[in-house]
PDB file of N, CA and C in Angstrom:
ATOM      1  N   MET A   1      17.251  21.681   2.052  1.00  0.00           N
ATOM      2  CA  MET A   1      16.957  20.370   2.573  1.00  0.00           C
ATOM      3  C   MET A   1      17.354  19.319   1.536  1.00  0.00           C
ATOM      4  N   LYS A   2      18.114  18.319   1.983  1.00  0.00           N
ATOM      5  CA  LYS A   2      18.552  17.257   1.087  1.00  0.00           C
ATOM      6  C   LYS A   2      17.430  16.266   0.861  1.00  0.00           C
ATOM      7  N   THR A   3      17.307  15.812  -0.372  1.00  0.00           N
ATOM      8  CA  THR A   3      16.324  14.780  -0.667  1.00  0.00           C
ATOM      9  C   THR A   3      17.055  13.479  -0.949  1.00  0.00           C
ATOM     10  N   ASN A   4      16.383  12.395  -0.725  1.00  0.00           N
ATOM     11  CA  ASN A   4      16.939  11.084  -0.986  1.00  0.00           C
ATOM     12  C   ASN A   4      16.921  10.845  -2.496  1.00  0.00           C
ATOM     13  N   ALA A   5      18.089  10.714  -3.085  1.00  0.00           N
ATOM     14  CA  ALA A   5      18.187  10.530  -4.535  1.00  0.00           C
ATOM     15  C   ALA A   5      17.477   9.252  -4.988  1.00  0.00           C
ATOM     16  N   LEU A   6      17.430   8.257  -4.126  1.00  0.00           N
ATOM     17  CA  LEU A   6      16.779   6.997  -4.483  1.00  0.00           C
ATOM     18  C   LEU A   6      15.282   7.190  -4.702  1.00  0.00           C
ATOM     19  N   ARG A   7      14.683   8.149  -3.995  1.00  0.00           N
ATOM     20  CA  ARG A   7      13.252   8.408  -4.184  1.00  0.00           C
ATOM     21  C   ARG A   7      12.986   9.094  -5.521  1.00  0.00           C
ATOM     22  N   GLU A   8      13.965   9.817  -6.004  1.00  0.00           N
ATOM     23  CA  GLU A   8      13.812  10.538  -7.266  1.00  0.00           C
ATOM     24  C   GLU A   8      14.010   9.621  -8.471  1.00  0.00           C
ATOM     25  N   ALA A   9      14.997   8.747  -8.393  1.00  0.00           N
ATOM     26  CA  ALA A   9      15.284   7.851  -9.521  1.00  0.00           C
ATOM     27  C   ALA A   9      15.926   6.576  -8.990  1.00  0.00           C
ATOM     28  N   GLN A  10      15.175   5.486  -9.059  1.00  0.00           N
ATOM     29  CA  GLN A  10      15.686   4.202  -8.603  1.00  0.00           C
ATOM     30  C   GLN A  10      16.378   3.496  -9.762  1.00  0.00           C
ATOM     31  N   PRO A  11      17.232   2.530  -9.431  1.00  0.00           N
ATOM     32  CA  PRO A  11      17.749   1.678 -10.501  1.00  0.00           C
ATOM     33  C   PRO A  11      16.554   0.999 -11.189  1.00  0.00           C
ATOM     34  N   TYR A  12      16.653   0.820 -12.474  1.00  0.00           N
ATOM     35  CA  TYR A  12      15.552   0.280 -13.264  1.00  0.00           C
ATOM     36  C   TYR A  12      15.000  -1.034 -12.695  1.00  0.00           C
ATOM     37  N   PRO A  13      15.864  -1.995 -12.298  1.00  0.00           N
ATOM     38  CA  PRO A  13      15.312  -3.240 -11.740  1.00  0.00           C
ATOM     39  C   PRO A  13      14.502  -3.003 -10.457  1.00  0.00           C
ATOM     40  N   VAL A  14      14.892  -2.022  -9.660  1.00  0.00           N
ATOM     41  CA  VAL A  14      14.150  -1.706  -8.436  1.00  0.00           C
ATOM     42  C   VAL A  14      12.786  -1.131  -8.804  1.00  0.00           C
ATOM     43  N   GLU A  15      12.779  -0.220  -9.748  1.00  0.00           N
ATOM     44  CA  GLU A  15      11.522   0.383 -10.209  1.00  0.00           C
ATOM     45  C   GLU A  15      10.565  -0.686 -10.732  1.00  0.00           C
ATOM     46  N   GLN A  16      11.083  -1.595 -11.524  1.00  0.00           N
ATOM     47  CA  GLN A  16      10.253  -2.667 -12.087  1.00  0.00           C
ATOM     48  C   GLN A  16       9.735  -3.600 -10.990  1.00  0.00           C
ATOM     49  N   ALA A  17      10.579  -3.926 -10.025  1.00  0.00           N
ATOM     50  CA  ALA A  17      10.155  -4.811  -8.936  1.00  0.00           C
ATOM     51  C   ALA A  17       9.053  -4.167  -8.105  1.00  0.00           C
ATOM     52  N   LEU A  18       9.175  -2.868  -7.819  1.00  0.00           N
ATOM     53  CA  LEU A  18       8.137  -2.169  -7.063  1.00  0.00           C
ATOM     54  C   LEU A  18       6.816  -2.150  -7.834  1.00  0.00           C
ATOM     55  N   ARG A  19       6.893  -1.914  -9.122  1.00  0.00           N
ATOM     56  CA  ARG A  19       5.671  -1.929  -9.943  1.00  0.00           C
ATOM     57  C   ARG A  19       5.013  -3.302  -9.931  1.00  0.00           C
ATOM     58  N   LYS A  20       5.827  -4.338 -10.038  1.00  0.00           N
ATOM     59  CA  LYS A  20       5.306  -5.715 -10.041  1.00  0.00           C
ATOM     60  C   LYS A  20       4.649  -6.029  -8.701  1.00  0.00           C
ATOM     61  N   VAL A  21       5.282  -5.645  -7.602  1.00  0.00           N
ATOM     62  CA  VAL A  21       4.694  -5.866  -6.279  1.00  0.00           C
ATOM     63  C   VAL A  21       3.367  -5.120  -6.181  1.00  0.00           C
ATOM     64  N   GLY A  22       3.332  -3.896  -6.674  1.00  0.00           N
ATOM     65  CA  GLY A  22       2.099  -3.112  -6.658  1.00  0.00           C
ATOM     66  C   GLY A  22       0.978  -3.788  -7.421  1.00  0.00           C
ATOM     67  N   VAL A  23       1.285  -4.275  -8.612  1.00  0.00           N
ATOM     68  CA  VAL A  23       0.288  -4.984  -9.426  1.00  0.00           C
ATOM     69  C   VAL A  23      -0.190  -6.228  -8.687  1.00  0.00           C
ATOM     70  N   ASN A  24       0.747  -6.944  -8.072  1.00  0.00           N
ATOM     71  CA  ASN A  24       0.381  -8.153  -7.330  1.00  0.00           C
ATOM     72  C   ASN A  24      -0.516  -7.829  -6.136  1.00  0.00           C
ATOM     73  N   LEU A  25      -0.220  -6.737  -5.443  1.00  0.00           N
ATOM     74  CA  LEU A  25      -1.060  -6.334  -4.311  1.00  0.00           C
ATOM     75  C   LEU A  25      -2.469  -5.976  -4.778  1.00  0.00           C
ATOM     76  N   ARG A  26      -2.556  -5.272  -5.877  1.00  0.00           N
ATOM     77  CA  ARG A  26      -3.878  -4.895  -6.406  1.00  0.00           C
ATOM     78  C   ARG A  26      -4.668  -6.141  -6.796  1.00  0.00           C
ATOM     79  N   THR A  27      -4.002  -7.071  -7.455  1.00  0.00           N
ATOM     80  CA  THR A  27      -4.661  -8.321  -7.848  1.00  0.00           C
ATOM     81  C   THR A  27      -5.157  -9.078  -6.620  1.00  0.00           C
ATOM     82  N   ALA A  28      -4.327  -9.144  -5.584  1.00  0.00           N
ATOM     83  CA  ALA A  28      -4.717  -9.840  -4.352  1.00  0.00           C
ATOM     84  C   ALA A  28      -5.929  -9.162  -3.712  1.00  0.00           C
ATOM     85  N   ARG A  29      -5.929  -7.842  -3.696  1.00  0.00           N
ATOM     86  CA  ARG A  29      -7.052  -7.102  -3.102  1.00  0.00           C
ATOM     87  C   ARG A  29      -8.342  -7.355  -3.883  1.00  0.00           C
ATOM     88  N   LEU A  30      -8.261  -7.261  -5.196  1.00  0.00           N
ATOM     89  CA  LEU A  30      -9.445  -7.456  -6.034  1.00  0.00           C
ATOM     90  C   LEU A  30      -9.981  -8.885  -5.934  1.00  0.00           C
ATOM     91  N   ARG A  31      -9.102  -9.870  -5.887  1.00  0.00           N
ATOM     92  CA  ARG A  31      -9.546 -11.260  -5.763  1.00  0.00           C
ATOM     93  C   ARG A  31     -10.291 -11.502  -4.458  1.00  0.00           C
ATOM     94  N   ARG A  32      -9.945 -10.733  -3.441  1.00  0.00           N
ATOM     95  CA  ARG A  32     -10.588 -10.885  -2.140  1.00  0.00           C
ATOM     96  C   ARG A  32     -11.835 -10.013  -1.997  1.00  0.00           C
ATOM     97  N   GLY A  33     -12.109  -9.225  -3.022  1.00  0.00           N
ATOM     98  CA  GLY A  33     -13.282  -8.368  -2.993  1.00  0.00           C
ATOM     99  C   GLY A  33     -13.194  -7.252  -1.972  1.00  0.00           C
ATOM    100  N   ILE A  34     -11.991  -6.760  -1.746  1.00  0.00           N
ATOM    101  CA  ILE A  34     -11.762  -5.692  -0.769  1.00  0.00           C
ATOM    102  C   ILE A  34     -11.571  -4.379  -1.523  1.00  0.00           C
ATOM    103  N   THR A  35     -12.234  -3.328  -1.068  1.00  0.00           N
ATOM    104  CA  THR A  35     -12.041  -2.015  -1.685  1.00  0.00           C
ATOM    105  C   THR A  35     -10.777  -1.375  -1.122  1.00  0.00           C
ATOM    106  N   ILE A  36     -10.304  -0.349  -1.813  1.00  0.00           N
ATOM    107  CA  ILE A  36      -9.140   0.395  -1.329  1.00  0.00           C
ATOM    108  C   ILE A  36      -9.423   0.970   0.050  1.00  0.00           C
ATOM    109  N   GLU A  37     -10.617   1.495   0.239  1.00  0.00           N
ATOM    110  CA  GLU A  37     -10.983   2.092   1.526  1.00  0.00           C
ATOM    111  C   GLU A  37     -10.993   1.045   2.633  1.00  0.00           C
ATOM    112  N   GLN A  38     -11.521  -0.137   2.351  1.00  0.00           N
ATOM    113  CA  GLN A  38     -11.547  -1.204   3.355  1.00  0.00           C
ATOM    114  C   GLN A  38     -10.125  -1.651   3.709  1.00  0.00           C
ATOM    115  N   ALA A  39      -9.290  -1.795   2.707  1.00  0.00           N
ATOM    116  CA  ALA A  39      -7.894  -2.187   2.963  1.00  0.00           C
ATOM    117  C   ALA A  39      -7.202  -1.135   3.820  1.00  0.00           C
ATOM    118  N   ALA A  40      -7.430   0.130   3.507  1.00  0.00           N
ATOM    119  CA  ALA A  40      -6.797   1.218   4.259  1.00  0.00           C
ATOM    120  C   ALA A  40      -7.222   1.185   5.724  1.00  0.00           C
ATOM    121  N   VAL A  41      -8.514   0.999   5.969  1.00  0.00           N
ATOM    122  CA  VAL A  41      -9.013   0.952   7.352  1.00  0.00           C
ATOM    123  C   VAL A  41      -8.410  -0.226   8.097  1.00  0.00           C
ATOM    124  N   LYS A  42      -8.336  -1.379   7.450  1.00  0.00           N
ATOM    125  CA  LYS A  42      -7.842  -2.592   8.112  1.00  0.00           C
ATOM    126  C   LYS A  42      -6.368  -2.507   8.468  1.00  0.00           C
ATOM    127  N   ILE A  43      -5.581  -1.767   7.690  1.00  0.00           N
ATOM    128  CA  ILE A  43      -4.152  -1.647   8.021  1.00  0.00           C
ATOM    129  C   ILE A  43      -3.841  -0.348   8.764  1.00  0.00           C
ATOM    130  N   GLY A  44      -4.848   0.478   8.954  1.00  0.00           N
ATOM    131  CA  GLY A  44      -4.643   1.719   9.699  1.00  0.00           C
ATOM    132  C   GLY A  44      -3.934   2.795   8.907  1.00  0.00           C
ATOM    133  N   ALA A  45      -4.232   2.865   7.639  1.00  0.00           N
ATOM    134  CA  ALA A  45      -3.606   3.869   6.759  1.00  0.00           C
ATOM    135  C   ALA A  45      -4.699   4.564   5.959  1.00  0.00           C
ATOM    136  N   GLY A  46      -4.287   5.542   5.175  1.00  0.00           N
ATOM    137  CA  GLY A  46      -5.223   6.233   4.304  1.00  0.00           C
ATOM    138  C   GLY A  46      -5.332   5.542   2.964  1.00  0.00           C
ATOM    139  N   PRO A  47      -6.438   5.763   2.266  1.00  0.00           N
ATOM    140  CA  PRO A  47      -6.622   5.150   0.947  1.00  0.00           C
ATOM    141  C   PRO A  47      -5.516   5.531  -0.041  1.00  0.00           C
ATOM    142  N   ARG A  48      -4.990   6.733   0.106  1.00  0.00           N
ATOM    143  CA  ARG A  48      -3.927   7.186  -0.811  1.00  0.00           C
ATOM    144  C   ARG A  48      -2.687   6.298  -0.699  1.00  0.00           C
ATOM    145  N   LEU A  49      -2.355   5.874   0.531  1.00  0.00           N
ATOM    146  CA  LEU A  49      -1.190   5.005   0.711  1.00  0.00           C
ATOM    147  C   LEU A  49      -1.405   3.651   0.039  1.00  0.00           C
ATOM    148  N   VAL A  50      -2.597   3.117   0.143  1.00  0.00           N
ATOM    149  CA  VAL A  50      -2.897   1.835  -0.507  1.00  0.00           C
ATOM    150  C   VAL A  50      -2.787   1.989  -2.019  1.00  0.00           C
ATOM    151  N   THR A  51      -3.358   3.058  -2.546  1.00  0.00           N
ATOM    152  CA  THR A  51      -3.287   3.313  -3.990  1.00  0.00           C
ATOM    153  C   THR A  51      -1.840   3.479  -4.441  1.00  0.00           C
ATOM    154  N   ASP A  52      -1.069   4.266  -3.693  1.00  0.00           N
ATOM    155  CA  ASP A  52       0.336   4.473  -4.057  1.00  0.00           C
ATOM    156  C   ASP A  52       1.128   3.163  -3.999  1.00  0.00           C
ATOM    157  N   ALA A  53       0.851   2.323  -3.009  1.00  0.00           N
ATOM    158  CA  ALA A  53       1.533   1.026  -2.911  1.00  0.00           C
ATOM    159  C   ALA A  53       1.179   0.161  -4.123  1.00  0.00           C
ATOM    160  N   GLU A  54      -0.077   0.207  -4.527  1.00  0.00           N
ATOM    161  CA  GLU A  54      -0.490  -0.579  -5.690  1.00  0.00           C
ATOM    162  C   GLU A  54       0.100  -0.053  -6.994  1.00  0.00           C
ATOM    163  N   HIS A  55       0.563   1.172  -6.979  1.00  0.00           N
ATOM    164  CA  HIS A  55       1.258   1.728  -8.148  1.00  0.00           C
ATOM    165  C   HIS A  55       2.774   1.566  -8.031  1.00  0.00           C
ATOM    166  N   GLY A  56       3.233   0.960  -6.935  1.00  0.00           N
ATOM    167  CA  GLY A  56       4.665   0.716  -6.755  1.00  0.00           C
ATOM    168  C   GLY A  56       5.472   1.971  -6.516  1.00  0.00           C
ATOM    169  N   LYS A  57       4.887   2.951  -5.873  1.00  0.00           N
ATOM    170  CA  LYS A  57       5.603   4.207  -5.612  1.00  0.00           C
ATOM    171  C   LYS A  57       6.741   3.957  -4.614  1.00  0.00           C
ATOM    172  N   PRO A  58       7.914   4.505  -4.883  1.00  0.00           N
ATOM    173  CA  PRO A  58       9.067   4.254  -4.019  1.00  0.00           C
ATOM    174  C   PRO A  58       9.029   5.003  -2.682  1.00  0.00           C
ATOM    175  N   ASN A  59       8.173   6.009  -2.572  1.00  0.00           N
ATOM    176  CA  ASN A  59       8.146   6.786  -1.338  1.00  0.00           C
ATOM    177  C   ASN A  59       7.240   6.165  -0.274  1.00  0.00           C
ATOM    178  N   ILE A  60       6.648   5.027  -0.554  1.00  0.00           N
ATOM    179  CA  ILE A  60       5.775   4.349   0.396  1.00  0.00           C
ATOM    180  C   ILE A  60       6.628   3.542   1.369  1.00  0.00           C
ATOM    181  N   ASP A  61       6.325   3.692   2.648  1.00  0.00           N
ATOM    182  CA  ASP A  61       7.057   2.989   3.691  1.00  0.00           C
ATOM    183  C   ASP A  61       6.885   1.480   3.522  1.00  0.00           C
ATOM    184  N   ILE A  62       7.933   0.750   3.810  1.00  0.00           N
ATOM    185  CA  ILE A  62       7.872  -0.705   3.667  1.00  0.00           C
ATOM    186  C   ILE A  62       6.820  -1.313   4.581  1.00  0.00           C
ATOM    187  N   ALA A  63       6.502  -0.625   5.681  1.00  0.00           N
ATOM    188  CA  ALA A  63       5.467  -1.122   6.600  1.00  0.00           C
ATOM    189  C   ALA A  63       4.101  -1.191   5.917  1.00  0.00           C
ATOM    190  N   VAL A  64       3.845  -0.289   4.985  1.00  0.00           N
ATOM    191  CA  VAL A  64       2.571  -0.319   4.257  1.00  0.00           C
ATOM    192  C   VAL A  64       2.519  -1.568   3.380  1.00  0.00           C
ATOM    193  N   TYR A  65       3.613  -1.829   2.661  1.00  0.00           N
ATOM    194  CA  TYR A  65       3.665  -3.032   1.836  1.00  0.00           C
ATOM    195  C   TYR A  65       3.499  -4.279   2.705  1.00  0.00           C
ATOM    196  N   ALA A  66       4.209  -4.333   3.842  1.00  0.00           N
ATOM    197  CA  ALA A  66       4.118  -5.492   4.735  1.00  0.00           C
ATOM    198  C   ALA A  66       2.713  -5.647   5.306  1.00  0.00           C
ATOM    199  N   ALA A  67       2.072  -4.533   5.673  1.00  0.00           N
ATOM    200  CA  ALA A  67       0.710  -4.600   6.222  1.00  0.00           C
ATOM    201  C   ALA A  67      -0.276  -5.105   5.181  1.00  0.00           C
ATOM    202  N   LEU A  68      -0.114  -4.685   3.941  1.00  0.00           N
ATOM    203  CA  LEU A  68      -0.998  -5.171   2.882  1.00  0.00           C
ATOM    204  C   LEU A  68      -0.775  -6.667   2.635  1.00  0.00           C
ATOM    205  N   LEU A  69       0.462  -7.080   2.651  1.00  0.00           N
ATOM    206  CA  LEU A  69       0.744  -8.514   2.509  1.00  0.00           C
ATOM    207  C   LEU A  69       0.117  -9.302   3.652  1.00  0.00           C
ATOM    208  N   TRP A  70       0.191  -8.754   4.864  1.00  0.00           N
ATOM    209  CA  TRP A  70      -0.444  -9.396   6.020  1.00  0.00           C
ATOM    210  C   TRP A  70      -1.956  -9.492   5.815  1.00  0.00           C
ATOM    211  N   LEU A  71      -2.546  -8.384   5.375  1.00  0.00           N
ATOM    212  CA  LEU A  71      -3.985  -8.341   5.167  1.00  0.00           C
ATOM    213  C   LEU A  71      -4.439  -9.412   4.180  1.00  0.00           C
ATOM    214  N   TYR A  72      -3.654  -9.652   3.148  1.00  0.00           N
ATOM    215  CA  TYR A  72      -4.002 -10.613   2.114  1.00  0.00           C
ATOM    216  C   TYR A  72      -3.448 -12.014   2.411  1.00  0.00           C
ATOM    217  N   ASP A  73      -2.920 -12.199   3.624  1.00  0.00           N
ATOM    218  CA  ASP A  73      -2.349 -13.478   4.060  1.00  0.00           C
ATOM    219  C   ASP A  73      -1.205 -13.924   3.153  1.00  0.00           C
ATOM    220  N   LEU A  74      -0.358 -12.973   2.770  1.00  0.00           N
ATOM    221  CA  LEU A  74       0.788 -13.246   1.910  1.00  0.00           C
ATOM    222  C   LEU A  74       2.110 -12.869   2.570  1.00  0.00           C
ATOM    223  N   LEU A  75       2.097 -12.709   3.887  1.00  0.00           N
ATOM    224  CA  LEU A  75       3.287 -12.225   4.584  1.00  0.00           C
ATOM    225  C   LEU A  75       4.394 -13.280   4.681  1.00  0.00           C
ATOM    226  N   GLY A  76       4.036 -14.552   4.609  1.00  0.00           N
ATOM    227  CA  GLY A  76       5.032 -15.625   4.727  1.00  0.00           C
ATOM    228  C   GLY A  76       6.212 -15.473   3.778  1.00  0.00           C
ATOM    229  N   PRO A  77       5.963 -15.349   2.476  1.00  0.00           N
ATOM    230  CA  PRO A  77       7.094 -15.182   1.550  1.00  0.00           C
ATOM    231  C   PRO A  77       7.898 -13.913   1.821  1.00  0.00           C
ATOM    232  N   PHE A  78       7.248 -12.866   2.317  1.00  0.00           N
ATOM    233  CA  PHE A  78       7.938 -11.615   2.628  1.00  0.00           C
ATOM    234  C   PHE A  78       8.973 -11.830   3.724  1.00  0.00           C
ATOM    235  N   GLU A  79       8.635 -12.670   4.692  1.00  0.00           N
ATOM    236  CA  GLU A  79       9.549 -12.952   5.797  1.00  0.00           C
ATOM    237  C   GLU A  79      10.810 -13.663   5.331  1.00  0.00           C
ATOM    238  N   GLU A  80      10.746 -14.306   4.183  1.00  0.00           N
ATOM    239  CA  GLU A  80      11.892 -15.037   3.658  1.00  0.00           C
ATOM    240  C   GLU A  80      12.818 -14.169   2.804  1.00  0.00           C
ATOM    241  N   LEU A  81      12.439 -12.928   2.546  1.00  0.00           N
ATOM    242  CA  LEU A  81      13.299 -12.046   1.761  1.00  0.00           C
ATOM    243  C   LEU A  81      14.650 -11.887   2.445  1.00  0.00           C
ATOM    244  N   ALA A  82      15.686 -11.948   1.697  1.00  0.00           N
ATOM    245  CA  ALA A  82      17.055 -11.771   2.180  1.00  0.00           C
ATOM    246  C   ALA A  82      17.435 -12.794   3.245  1.00  0.00           C
ATOM    247  N   SER A  83      16.834 -13.970   3.197  1.00  0.00           N
ATOM    248  CA  SER A  83      17.173 -15.027   4.155  1.00  0.00           C
ATOM    249  C   SER A  83      18.634 -15.416   3.977  1.00  0.00           C
ATOM    250  N   PRO A  84      19.408 -15.434   5.060  1.00  0.00           N
ATOM    251  CA  PRO A  84      20.810 -15.828   4.947  1.00  0.00           C
ATOM    252  C   PRO A  84      20.990 -17.241   4.404  1.00  0.00           C
ATOM    253  N   LEU A  85      20.001 -18.087   4.618  1.00  0.00           N
ATOM    254  CA  LEU A  85      20.104 -19.463   4.131  1.00  0.00           C
ATOM    255  C   LEU A  85      19.859 -19.574   2.624  1.00  0.00           C
ATOM    256  N   LYS A  86      19.230 -18.561   2.035  1.00  0.00           N
ATOM    257  CA  LYS A  86      18.952 -18.576   0.601  1.00  0.00           C
ATOM    258  C   LYS A  86      19.862 -17.626  -0.178  1.00  0.00           C
ATOM    259  N   ASP A  87      20.786 -16.996   0.491  1.00  0.00           N
ATOM    260  CA  ASP A  87      21.712 -16.040  -0.119  1.00  0.00           C
ATOM    261  C   ASP A  87      22.902 -16.796  -0.695  1.00  0.00           C
ATOM    262  N   GLU A  88      22.739 -17.301  -1.908  1.00  0.00           N
ATOM    263  CA  GLU A  88      23.766 -18.144  -2.520  1.00  0.00           C
ATOM    264  C   GLU A  88      25.100 -17.420  -2.656  1.00  0.00           C
ATOM    265  N   GLN A  89      25.072 -16.182  -3.124  1.00  0.00           N
ATOM    266  CA  GLN A  89      26.318 -15.443  -3.290  1.00  0.00           C
ATOM    267  C   GLN A  89      26.985 -15.198  -1.937  1.00  0.00           C
ATOM    268  N   GLY A  90      26.211 -14.806  -0.943  1.00  0.00           N
ATOM    269  CA  GLY A  90      26.754 -14.576   0.391  1.00  0.00           C
ATOM    270  C   GLY A  90      27.343 -15.838   0.993  1.00  0.00           C
ATOM    271  N   LEU A  91      26.676 -16.966   0.787  1.00  0.00           N
ATOM    272  CA  LEU A  91      27.187 -18.238   1.300  1.00  0.00           C
ATOM    273  C   LEU A  91      28.500 -18.616   0.629  1.00  0.00           C
ATOM    274  N   ARG A  92      28.592 -18.381  -0.695  1.00  0.00           N
ATOM    275  CA  ARG A  92      29.847 -18.663  -1.408  1.00  0.00           C
ATOM    276  C   ARG A  92      30.979 -17.798  -0.877  1.00  0.00           C
ATOM    277  N   LEU A  93      30.697 -16.510  -0.701  1.00  0.00           N
ATOM    278  CA  LEU A  93      31.728 -15.601  -0.198  1.00  0.00           C
ATOM    279  C   LEU A  93      32.161 -15.977   1.216  1.00  0.00           C
ATOM    280  N   ALA A  94      31.206 -16.364   2.053  1.00  0.00           N
ATOM    281  CA  ALA A  94      31.520 -16.748   3.424  1.00  0.00           C
ATOM    282  C   ALA A  94      32.360 -18.021   3.457  1.00  0.00           C
ATOM    283  N   SER A  95      32.071 -18.961   2.557  1.00  0.00           N
ATOM    284  CA  SER A  95      32.829 -20.215   2.555  1.00  0.00           C
ATOM    285  C   SER A  95      34.270 -19.987   2.102  1.00  0.00           C
ATOM    286  N   ARG A  96      34.493 -18.975   1.288  1.00  0.00           N
ATOM    287  CA  ARG A  96      35.866 -18.659   0.861  1.00  0.00           C
ATOM    288  C   ARG A  96      36.690 -18.099   2.009  1.00  0.00           C
ATOM    289  N   ARG A  97      36.026 -17.425   2.940  1.00  0.00           N
ATOM    290  CA  ARG A  97      36.734 -16.836   4.073  1.00  0.00           C
ATOM    291  C   ARG A  97      36.889 -17.797   5.244  1.00  0.00           C
ATOM    292  N   ALA A  98      36.244 -18.950   5.160  1.00  0.00           N
ATOM    293  CA  ALA A  98      36.314 -19.922   6.246  1.00  0.00           C
ATOM    294  C   ALA A  98      37.725 -20.495   6.324  1.00  0.00           C
ATOM    295  N   PRO A  99      38.133 -20.866   7.516  1.00  0.00           N
ATOM    296  CA  PRO A  99      39.482 -21.448   7.651  1.00  0.00           C
ATOM    297  C   PRO A  99      39.625 -22.685   6.764  1.00  0.00           C
ATOM    298  N   ILE A 100      40.781 -22.816   6.163  1.00  0.00           N
ATOM    299  CA  ILE A 100      41.031 -23.926   5.251  1.00  0.00           C
ATOM    300  C   ILE A 100      41.338 -25.201   6.029  1.00  0.00           C
ATOM    301  N   ARG A 101      42.008 -25.054   7.171  1.00  0.00           N
ATOM    302  CA  ARG A 101      42.324 -26.235   7.968  1.00  0.00           C
ATOM    303  C   ARG A 101      41.925 -25.986   9.413  1.00  0.00           C
ATOM    304  N   ALA A 102      41.782 -27.035  10.119  1.00  0.00           N
ATOM    305  CA  ALA A 102      41.360 -26.947  11.520  1.00  0.00           C
ATOM    306  C   ALA A 102      42.499 -26.395  12.365  1.00  0.00           C
ATOM    307  N   GLN A 103      42.149 -25.742  13.452  1.00  0.00           N
ATOM    308  CA  GLN A 103      43.137 -25.232  14.401  1.00  0.00           C
ATOM    309  C   GLN A 103      43.729 -26.401  15.184  1.00  0.00           C
ATOM    310  N   LYS A 104      44.995 -26.293  15.509  1.00  0.00           N
ATOM    311  CA  LYS A 104      45.656 -27.325  16.284  1.00  0.00           C
ATOM    312  C   LYS A 104      45.193 -27.208  17.739  1.00  0.00           C
ATOM    313  N   THR A 105      44.781 -28.316  18.333  1.00  0.00           N
ATOM    314  CA  THR A 105      44.326 -28.281  19.721  1.00  0.00           C
ATOM    315  C   THR A 105      45.505 -28.556  20.644  1.00  0.00           C
ATOM    316  N   LYS A 106      45.350 -28.160  21.894  1.00  0.00           N
ATOM    317  CA  LYS A 106      46.417 -28.352  22.884  1.00  0.00           C
ATOM    318  C   LYS A 106      46.427 -29.759  23.426  1.00  0.00           C
ATOM    319  N   GLY A 107      45.463 -30.529  23.092  1.00  0.00           N
ATOM    320  CA  GLY A 107      45.383 -31.887  23.598  1.00  0.00           C
ATOM    321  C   GLY A 107      44.376 -31.984  24.733  1.00  0.00           C
ATOM    322  N   LEU A 108      44.171 -33.173  25.175  1.00  0.00           N
ATOM    323  CA  LEU A 108      43.218 -33.425  26.233  1.00  0.00           C
ATOM    324  C   LEU A 108      43.862 -33.199  27.601  1.00  0.00           C
ATOM    325  N   SER A 109      43.038 -32.779  28.548  1.00  0.00           N
ATOM    326  CA  SER A 109      43.521 -32.540  29.898  1.00  0.00           C
ATOM    327  C   SER A 109      42.877 -33.548  30.835  1.00  0.00           C
ATOM    328  N   ASN A 110      43.624 -33.952  31.845  1.00  0.00           N
ATOM    329  CA  ASN A 110      43.098 -34.870  32.840  1.00  0.00           C
ATOM    330  C   ASN A 110      42.463 -34.142  34.007  1.00  0.00           C
ATOM    331  N   ASP A 111      42.349 -32.833  33.936  1.00  0.00           N
ATOM    332  CA  ASP A 111      41.736 -32.060  35.020  1.00  0.00           C
ATOM    333  C   ASP A 111      40.224 -32.212  34.948  1.00  0.00           C
ATOM    334  N   PHE A 112      39.659 -32.692  36.033  1.00  0.00           N
ATOM    335  CA  PHE A 112      38.200 -32.836  36.099  1.00  0.00           C
ATOM    336  C   PHE A 112      37.652 -32.033  37.219  1.00  0.00           C
TER     337      PHE A 112
END
C-alpha cells in the first residue's frame, strides 16, 4: 500500500505553519474556557482529533481545522486563504498573459 509522502515529511515551512496554527487553535480554545472534550463534541469529532490539530499534525483532515476555527468564531480569515484577489504573484502572471492591444472590431451594424 502506497503512503502519501507528504504525511511522512512535509516541507519545513509547511510543518512550521501547521504547528503555528495548532498553537493558535489551542490558545483560542483556552481563552474561551473550552475543554478538549467540549470542543470535540461541538464539532462532532473525537478528543484525539482536537489534540492532534492543536499539535499541528499533518494527517488531520482540513475539515477538523475548519470546524475548530468555526467553533472559535475565526472562520472568516480562513475563507480568505488563497483568495484570487490577494494572490499577487498570480495576478502578475495573469497580467503578463493578457492581450497587449485590443482586438480590432468589425464596426457598427445598422441591423436592429
